[in-house]
Amino acid sequence: MNEEISMRTESGYLISSNKERCSILIRDSDLSANDMIDIFISLHLVLEVSLNAFFRNLSLLSIKKDVDTFEIIKNVDSVNFIDKTIMFIYNSKFNFTSEEELREATRYHSIIGNLKDFSAMRNQLLHGHAISTVFDGRTNRHSRLKQNINLENLKRHILNFQFIFEGMRFYLDKLDSPLTASGKENFKETYLNDTFLPRLR
C-alpha cells in the first residue's frame, strides 16, 4: 500500500465514522443534552477533518516541485483549517463567468465567518468549559455553554455546516486547477458531502 492511500484511509475513517454517528443520533426524535453534545462534536470533527484532507490532497495535486510528499503534508497540516480556507478563497484563481457567479462568490465569502462561529461551540466543549446549572434558592441559572445546548442551536449549526460545504463545493467547481470535472466530483463526494444530514430549509 502506498503512502498516499494510507493517509487517505486514516482520514476517511474519521470522516465516515463521525458522519454515521451524527446520522444515527439525529434520527432520534427525542434528543437528550448528551446526544446534542455528541452531535456538536462529531459535526465539528467531520468539518475539520474533511477540510484538512481536502486542502492536503488539493496541495499534493497542485505542487509541481520535487519535494517529498510527507514534507508537503507536514507543512500543509501545520496550518489550521480556517486559515487554509481563508487562503483558498483569497489566493486561488477562480473562473467566474457571469455576474450571477460573482454574486454567489460574494455570498459564499461569508463561510469564513461561519467557520469561526461553528468552531466556537466545539472549542468550548472540548476545552472543558462548564456545562452546569446553579440553583440559588429561587431559580436555576445555567452556564452559557449549557444554555447553548438546545435544539434551536443544533439546527443552526446543521444549517451552518451545510452552507459551509455548499460554498466550498461552489468554489471547487469554479477553481482553475489541474482537476478534471470528474476529479472535482470525486473531491466533492469524498470531502464535501453533507448528505448524511437532514435538509432543514
C-alpha atoms as a PDB file:
ATOM      1  CA  MET A   1       0.000   0.000   0.000  1.00  0.00           C
ATOM      2  CA  ASN A   2       1.488   3.372  -0.945  1.00  0.00           C
ATOM      3  CA  GLU A   3       1.821   6.345   1.392  1.00  0.00           C
ATOM      4  CA  GLU A   4      -0.946   8.424  -0.184  1.00  0.00           C
ATOM      5  CA  ILE A   5      -3.534   5.640   0.147  1.00  0.00           C
ATOM      6  CA  SER A   6      -2.573   5.067   3.799  1.00  0.00           C
ATOM      7  CA  MET A   7      -3.092   8.746   4.560  1.00  0.00           C
ATOM      8  CA  ARG A   8      -6.483   8.831   2.856  1.00  0.00           C
ATOM      9  CA  THR A   9      -7.658   5.683   4.603  1.00  0.00           C
ATOM     10  CA  GLU A  10      -6.990   7.217   8.022  1.00  0.00           C
ATOM     11  CA  SER A  11      -8.752  10.464   7.175  1.00  0.00           C
ATOM     12  CA  GLY A  12     -11.648   8.619   5.554  1.00  0.00           C
ATOM     13  CA  TYR A  13     -12.348   6.666   8.735  1.00  0.00           C
ATOM     14  CA  LEU A  14     -12.587   9.773  10.919  1.00  0.00           C
ATOM     15  CA  ILE A  15     -14.980  11.358   8.438  1.00  0.00           C
ATOM     16  CA  SER A  16     -17.217   8.328   7.852  1.00  0.00           C
ATOM     17  CA  SER A  17     -17.404   7.205  11.489  1.00  0.00           C
ATOM     18  CA  ASN A  18     -18.478  10.636  12.719  1.00  0.00           C
ATOM     19  CA  LYS A  19     -20.957  11.050   9.861  1.00  0.00           C
ATOM     20  CA  GLU A  20     -22.511   7.741  10.837  1.00  0.00           C
ATOM     21  CA  ARG A  21     -22.639   8.770  14.491  1.00  0.00           C
ATOM     22  CA  CYS A  22     -24.371  12.054  13.615  1.00  0.00           C
ATOM     23  CA  SER A  23     -26.816  10.358  11.279  1.00  0.00           C
ATOM     24  CA  ILE A  24     -27.848   7.786  13.894  1.00  0.00           C
ATOM     25  CA  LEU A  25     -28.265  10.364  16.666  1.00  0.00           C
ATOM     26  CA  ILE A  26     -30.169  12.881  14.538  1.00  0.00           C
ATOM     27  CA  ARG A  27     -32.756  10.245  13.585  1.00  0.00           C
ATOM     28  CA  ASP A  28     -33.808  10.153  17.247  1.00  0.00           C
ATOM     29  CA  SER A  29     -36.827  12.429  17.714  1.00  0.00           C
ATOM     30  CA  ASP A  30     -36.135  12.842  21.433  1.00  0.00           C
ATOM     31  CA  LEU A  31     -32.537  14.056  21.685  1.00  0.00           C
ATOM     32  CA  SER A  32     -31.037  14.415  25.139  1.00  0.00           C
ATOM     33  CA  ALA A  33     -28.495  17.101  26.021  1.00  0.00           C
ATOM     34  CA  ASN A  34     -25.783  14.423  25.878  1.00  0.00           C
ATOM     35  CA  ASP A  35     -26.907  13.399  22.378  1.00  0.00           C
ATOM     36  CA  MET A  36     -26.666  17.018  21.253  1.00  0.00           C
ATOM     37  CA  ILE A  37     -23.171  17.346  22.722  1.00  0.00           C
ATOM     38  CA  ASP A  38     -22.105  14.265  20.747  1.00  0.00           C
ATOM     39  CA  ILE A  39     -23.605  15.722  17.560  1.00  0.00           C
ATOM     40  CA  PHE A  40     -21.907  19.105  18.028  1.00  0.00           C
ATOM     41  CA  ILE A  41     -18.518  17.421  18.490  1.00  0.00           C
ATOM     42  CA  SER A  42     -18.984  14.917  15.648  1.00  0.00           C
ATOM     43  CA  LEU A  43     -20.111  17.661  13.255  1.00  0.00           C
ATOM     44  CA  HIS A  44     -17.007  19.646  14.014  1.00  0.00           C
ATOM     45  CA  LEU A  45     -14.763  16.616  13.548  1.00  0.00           C
ATOM     46  CA  VAL A  46     -16.339  15.916  10.154  1.00  0.00           C
ATOM     47  CA  LEU A  47     -15.909  19.560   9.170  1.00  0.00           C
ATOM     48  CA  GLU A  48     -12.309  19.932  10.322  1.00  0.00           C
ATOM     49  CA  VAL A  49     -11.032  16.548   9.134  1.00  0.00           C
ATOM     50  CA  SER A  50     -12.823  16.891   5.779  1.00  0.00           C
ATOM     51  CA  LEU A  51     -11.451  20.353   5.063  1.00  0.00           C
ATOM     52  CA  ASN A  52      -7.942  19.429   6.191  1.00  0.00           C
ATOM     53  CA  ALA A  53      -7.997  16.348   3.943  1.00  0.00           C
ATOM     54  CA  PHE A  54      -9.442  18.417   1.081  1.00  0.00           C
ATOM     55  CA  PHE A  55      -6.670  21.016   1.248  1.00  0.00           C
ATOM     56  CA  ARG A  56      -3.951  18.431   1.813  1.00  0.00           C
ATOM     57  CA  ASN A  57      -4.904  16.451  -1.279  1.00  0.00           C
ATOM     58  CA  LEU A  58      -5.504  19.566  -3.368  1.00  0.00           C
ATOM     59  CA  SER A  59      -1.989  20.744  -2.454  1.00  0.00           C
ATOM     60  CA  LEU A  60      -0.461  17.397  -3.403  1.00  0.00           C
ATOM     61  CA  LEU A  61      -2.078  17.692  -6.846  1.00  0.00           C
ATOM     62  CA  SER A  62      -1.033  21.292  -7.382  1.00  0.00           C
ATOM     63  CA  ILE A  63       2.592  21.348  -6.214  1.00  0.00           C
ATOM     64  CA  LYS A  64       4.974  20.504  -9.038  1.00  0.00           C
ATOM     65  CA  LYS A  65       8.260  20.946  -7.176  1.00  0.00           C
ATOM     66  CA  ASP A  66      10.390  17.900  -6.388  1.00  0.00           C
ATOM     67  CA  VAL A  67       9.537  17.938  -2.683  1.00  0.00           C
ATOM     68  CA  ASP A  68       8.958  14.889  -0.512  1.00  0.00           C
ATOM     69  CA  THR A  69       5.245  14.084  -0.155  1.00  0.00           C
ATOM     70  CA  PHE A  70       5.402  13.878   3.622  1.00  0.00           C
ATOM     71  CA  GLU A  71       7.211  17.210   3.799  1.00  0.00           C
ATOM     72  CA  ILE A  72       4.316  18.782   1.902  1.00  0.00           C
ATOM     73  CA  ILE A  73       1.784  17.032   4.133  1.00  0.00           C
ATOM     74  CA  LYS A  74       3.552  18.150   7.311  1.00  0.00           C
ATOM     75  CA  ASN A  75       3.649  21.785   6.200  1.00  0.00           C
ATOM     76  CA  VAL A  76       0.047  21.866   4.971  1.00  0.00           C
ATOM     77  CA  ASP A  77      -1.213  20.138   8.113  1.00  0.00           C
ATOM     78  CA  SER A  78       0.556  22.678  10.331  1.00  0.00           C
ATOM     79  CA  VAL A  79      -1.893  25.380   9.152  1.00  0.00           C
ATOM     80  CA  ASN A  80      -5.301  25.281  10.818  1.00  0.00           C
ATOM     81  CA  PHE A  81      -8.312  24.552   8.630  1.00  0.00           C
ATOM     82  CA  ILE A  82      -9.865  28.018   8.958  1.00  0.00           C
ATOM     83  CA  ASP A  83      -6.655  29.738   7.815  1.00  0.00           C
ATOM     84  CA  LYS A  84      -6.388  27.265   4.930  1.00  0.00           C
ATOM     85  CA  THR A  85      -9.935  28.125   3.888  1.00  0.00           C
ATOM     86  CA  ILE A  86      -9.219  31.865   4.034  1.00  0.00           C
ATOM     87  CA  MET A  87      -6.105  31.455   1.878  1.00  0.00           C
ATOM     88  CA  PHE A  88      -8.013  29.228  -0.554  1.00  0.00           C
ATOM     89  CA  ILE A  89     -10.781  31.793  -1.042  1.00  0.00           C
ATOM     90  CA  TYR A  90      -8.446  34.802  -1.292  1.00  0.00           C
ATOM     91  CA  ASN A  91      -5.453  33.368  -3.176  1.00  0.00           C
ATOM     92  CA  SER A  92      -6.893  30.810  -5.587  1.00  0.00           C
ATOM     93  CA  LYS A  93      -7.711  31.579  -9.188  1.00  0.00           C
ATOM     94  CA  PHE A  94     -11.403  31.054  -9.919  1.00  0.00           C
ATOM     95  CA  ASN A  95     -13.227  31.113 -13.231  1.00  0.00           C
ATOM     96  CA  PHE A  96     -16.351  33.179 -12.592  1.00  0.00           C
ATOM     97  CA  THR A  97     -18.094  33.630 -15.943  1.00  0.00           C
ATOM     98  CA  SER A  98     -21.165  35.685 -15.050  1.00  0.00           C
ATOM     99  CA  GLU A  99     -22.475  38.375 -12.721  1.00  0.00           C
ATOM    100  CA  GLU A 100     -24.590  35.724 -11.011  1.00  0.00           C
ATOM    101  CA  GLU A 101     -21.499  33.644 -10.223  1.00  0.00           C
ATOM    102  CA  LEU A 102     -19.750  36.716  -8.823  1.00  0.00           C
ATOM    103  CA  ARG A 103     -22.753  37.355  -6.579  1.00  0.00           C
ATOM    104  CA  GLU A 104     -22.635  33.745  -5.441  1.00  0.00           C
ATOM    105  CA  ALA A 105     -18.913  34.039  -4.718  1.00  0.00           C
ATOM    106  CA  THR A 106     -19.606  37.120  -2.609  1.00  0.00           C
ATOM    107  CA  ARG A 107     -22.375  35.302  -0.721  1.00  0.00           C
ATOM    108  CA  TYR A 108     -20.175  32.279  -0.025  1.00  0.00           C
ATOM    109  CA  HIS A 109     -17.355  34.513   1.188  1.00  0.00           C
ATOM    110  CA  SER A 110     -19.284  34.530   4.472  1.00  0.00           C
ATOM    111  CA  ILE A 111     -18.300  30.899   5.111  1.00  0.00           C
ATOM    112  CA  ILE A 112     -15.127  32.325   6.694  1.00  0.00           C
ATOM    113  CA  GLY A 113     -17.169  33.882   9.491  1.00  0.00           C
ATOM    114  CA  ASN A 114     -19.388  30.797   9.635  1.00  0.00           C
ATOM    115  CA  LEU A 115     -16.347  28.578  10.216  1.00  0.00           C
ATOM    116  CA  LYS A 116     -15.229  30.717  13.146  1.00  0.00           C
ATOM    117  CA  ASP A 117     -18.730  30.704  14.638  1.00  0.00           C
ATOM    118  CA  PHE A 118     -19.071  26.947  14.104  1.00  0.00           C
ATOM    119  CA  SER A 119     -15.764  26.223  15.819  1.00  0.00           C
ATOM    120  CA  ALA A 120     -16.536  28.276  18.933  1.00  0.00           C
ATOM    121  CA  MET A 121     -19.040  25.738  20.281  1.00  0.00           C
ATOM    122  CA  ARG A 122     -16.704  22.786  19.740  1.00  0.00           C
ATOM    123  CA  ASN A 123     -13.800  24.604  21.382  1.00  0.00           C
ATOM    124  CA  GLN A 124     -15.843  25.298  24.495  1.00  0.00           C
ATOM    125  CA  LEU A 125     -16.937  21.655  24.707  1.00  0.00           C
ATOM    126  CA  LEU A 126     -13.512  20.110  24.171  1.00  0.00           C
ATOM    127  CA  HIS A 127     -11.679  22.648  26.331  1.00  0.00           C
ATOM    128  CA  GLY A 128     -13.823  21.752  29.303  1.00  0.00           C
ATOM    129  CA  HIS A 129     -15.986  24.840  29.709  1.00  0.00           C
ATOM    130  CA  ALA A 130     -18.670  24.377  32.356  1.00  0.00           C
ATOM    131  CA  ILE A 131     -21.937  22.684  31.393  1.00  0.00           C
ATOM    132  CA  SER A 132     -23.652  23.416  34.665  1.00  0.00           C
ATOM    133  CA  THR A 133     -26.739  24.609  36.484  1.00  0.00           C
ATOM    134  CA  VAL A 134     -26.734  26.524  39.764  1.00  0.00           C
ATOM    135  CA  PHE A 135     -29.842  26.704  41.962  1.00  0.00           C
ATOM    136  CA  ASP A 136     -29.693  29.856  44.071  1.00  0.00           C
ATOM    137  CA  GLY A 137     -32.667  29.013  46.263  1.00  0.00           C
ATOM    138  CA  ARG A 138     -35.198  30.553  43.914  1.00  0.00           C
ATOM    139  CA  THR A 139     -34.310  29.808  40.296  1.00  0.00           C
ATOM    140  CA  ASN A 140     -31.943  27.727  38.214  1.00  0.00           C
ATOM    141  CA  ARG A 141     -29.146  29.575  36.463  1.00  0.00           C
ATOM    142  CA  HIS A 142     -27.340  27.859  33.594  1.00  0.00           C
ATOM    143  CA  SER A 143     -23.805  28.366  32.323  1.00  0.00           C
ATOM    144  CA  ARG A 144     -23.530  29.974  28.871  1.00  0.00           C
ATOM    145  CA  LEU A 145     -22.477  26.675  27.291  1.00  0.00           C
ATOM    146  CA  LYS A 146     -25.398  24.774  28.849  1.00  0.00           C
ATOM    147  CA  GLN A 147     -27.780  27.427  27.513  1.00  0.00           C
ATOM    148  CA  ASN A 148     -26.409  26.802  24.018  1.00  0.00           C
ATOM    149  CA  ILE A 149     -27.031  23.051  24.112  1.00  0.00           C
ATOM    150  CA  ASN A 150     -30.534  23.121  22.691  1.00  0.00           C
ATOM    151  CA  LEU A 151     -32.402  22.043  19.564  1.00  0.00           C
ATOM    152  CA  GLU A 152     -32.585  25.538  18.094  1.00  0.00           C
ATOM    153  CA  ASN A 153     -28.820  25.987  18.293  1.00  0.00           C
ATOM    154  CA  LEU A 154     -28.255  22.469  16.948  1.00  0.00           C
ATOM    155  CA  LYS A 155     -30.431  23.270  13.932  1.00  0.00           C
ATOM    156  CA  ARG A 156     -28.441  26.480  13.398  1.00  0.00           C
ATOM    157  CA  HIS A 157     -25.197  24.502  13.464  1.00  0.00           C
ATOM    158  CA  ILE A 158     -26.505  21.945  10.962  1.00  0.00           C
ATOM    159  CA  LEU A 159     -27.560  24.738   8.578  1.00  0.00           C
ATOM    160  CA  ASN A 160     -24.198  26.421   9.118  1.00  0.00           C
ATOM    161  CA  PHE A 161     -22.362  23.168   8.314  1.00  0.00           C
ATOM    162  CA  GLN A 162     -24.405  22.682   5.139  1.00  0.00           C
ATOM    163  CA  PHE A 163     -23.797  26.255   3.992  1.00  0.00           C
ATOM    164  CA  ILE A 164     -20.032  25.882   4.500  1.00  0.00           C
ATOM    165  CA  PHE A 165     -19.904  22.688   2.433  1.00  0.00           C
ATOM    166  CA  GLU A 166     -22.212  24.188  -0.191  1.00  0.00           C
ATOM    167  CA  GLY A 167     -19.895  27.177  -0.521  1.00  0.00           C
ATOM    168  CA  MET A 168     -16.808  25.002  -0.740  1.00  0.00           C
ATOM    169  CA  ARG A 169     -18.412  22.905  -3.491  1.00  0.00           C
ATOM    170  CA  PHE A 170     -19.177  26.107  -5.384  1.00  0.00           C
ATOM    171  CA  TYR A 171     -15.609  27.374  -5.099  1.00  0.00           C
ATOM    172  CA  LEU A 172     -14.210  23.979  -6.114  1.00  0.00           C
ATOM    173  CA  ASP A 173     -16.407  23.922  -9.229  1.00  0.00           C
ATOM    174  CA  LYS A 174     -15.040  27.321 -10.244  1.00  0.00           C
ATOM    175  CA  LEU A 175     -11.421  26.610  -9.288  1.00  0.00           C
ATOM    176  CA  ASP A 176      -8.802  26.872 -12.024  1.00  0.00           C
ATOM    177  CA  SER A 177      -6.862  23.686 -11.250  1.00  0.00           C
ATOM    178  CA  PRO A 178      -5.455  20.512 -12.815  1.00  0.00           C
ATOM    179  CA  LEU A 179      -8.514  18.632 -11.549  1.00  0.00           C
ATOM    180  CA  THR A 180     -10.849  17.372 -14.265  1.00  0.00           C
ATOM    181  CA  ALA A 181     -14.623  17.668 -13.881  1.00  0.00           C
ATOM    182  CA  SER A 182     -14.781  14.062 -12.677  1.00  0.00           C
ATOM    183  CA  GLY A 183     -11.871  14.730 -10.319  1.00  0.00           C
ATOM    184  CA  LYS A 184     -13.770  17.638  -8.793  1.00  0.00           C
ATOM    185  CA  GLU A 185     -16.840  15.461  -8.386  1.00  0.00           C
ATOM    186  CA  ASN A 186     -14.706  12.873  -6.597  1.00  0.00           C
ATOM    187  CA  PHE A 187     -13.323  15.569  -4.256  1.00  0.00           C
ATOM    188  CA  LYS A 188     -16.846  16.776  -3.502  1.00  0.00           C
ATOM    189  CA  GLU A 189     -18.091  13.256  -2.806  1.00  0.00           C
ATOM    190  CA  THR A 190     -15.085  12.391  -0.621  1.00  0.00           C
ATOM    191  CA  TYR A 191     -14.561  15.616   1.338  1.00  0.00           C
ATOM    192  CA  LEU A 192     -17.576  17.917   0.882  1.00  0.00           C
ATOM    193  CA  ASN A 193     -20.541  15.566   1.071  1.00  0.00           C
ATOM    194  CA  ASP A 194     -23.229  16.556   3.585  1.00  0.00           C
ATOM    195  CA  THR A 195     -25.985  14.127   2.546  1.00  0.00           C
ATOM    196  CA  PHE A 196     -25.793  12.413   5.960  1.00  0.00           C
ATOM    197  CA  LEU A 197     -27.614  15.437   7.407  1.00  0.00           C
ATOM    198  CA  PRO A 198     -31.351  16.205   7.095  1.00  0.00           C
ATOM    199  CA  ARG A 199     -32.348  19.086   4.822  1.00  0.00           C
ATOM    200  CA  LEU A 200     -33.818  21.637   7.225  1.00  0.00           C
ATOM    201  CA  ARG A 201     -34.503  24.513   4.858  1.00  0.00           C
END
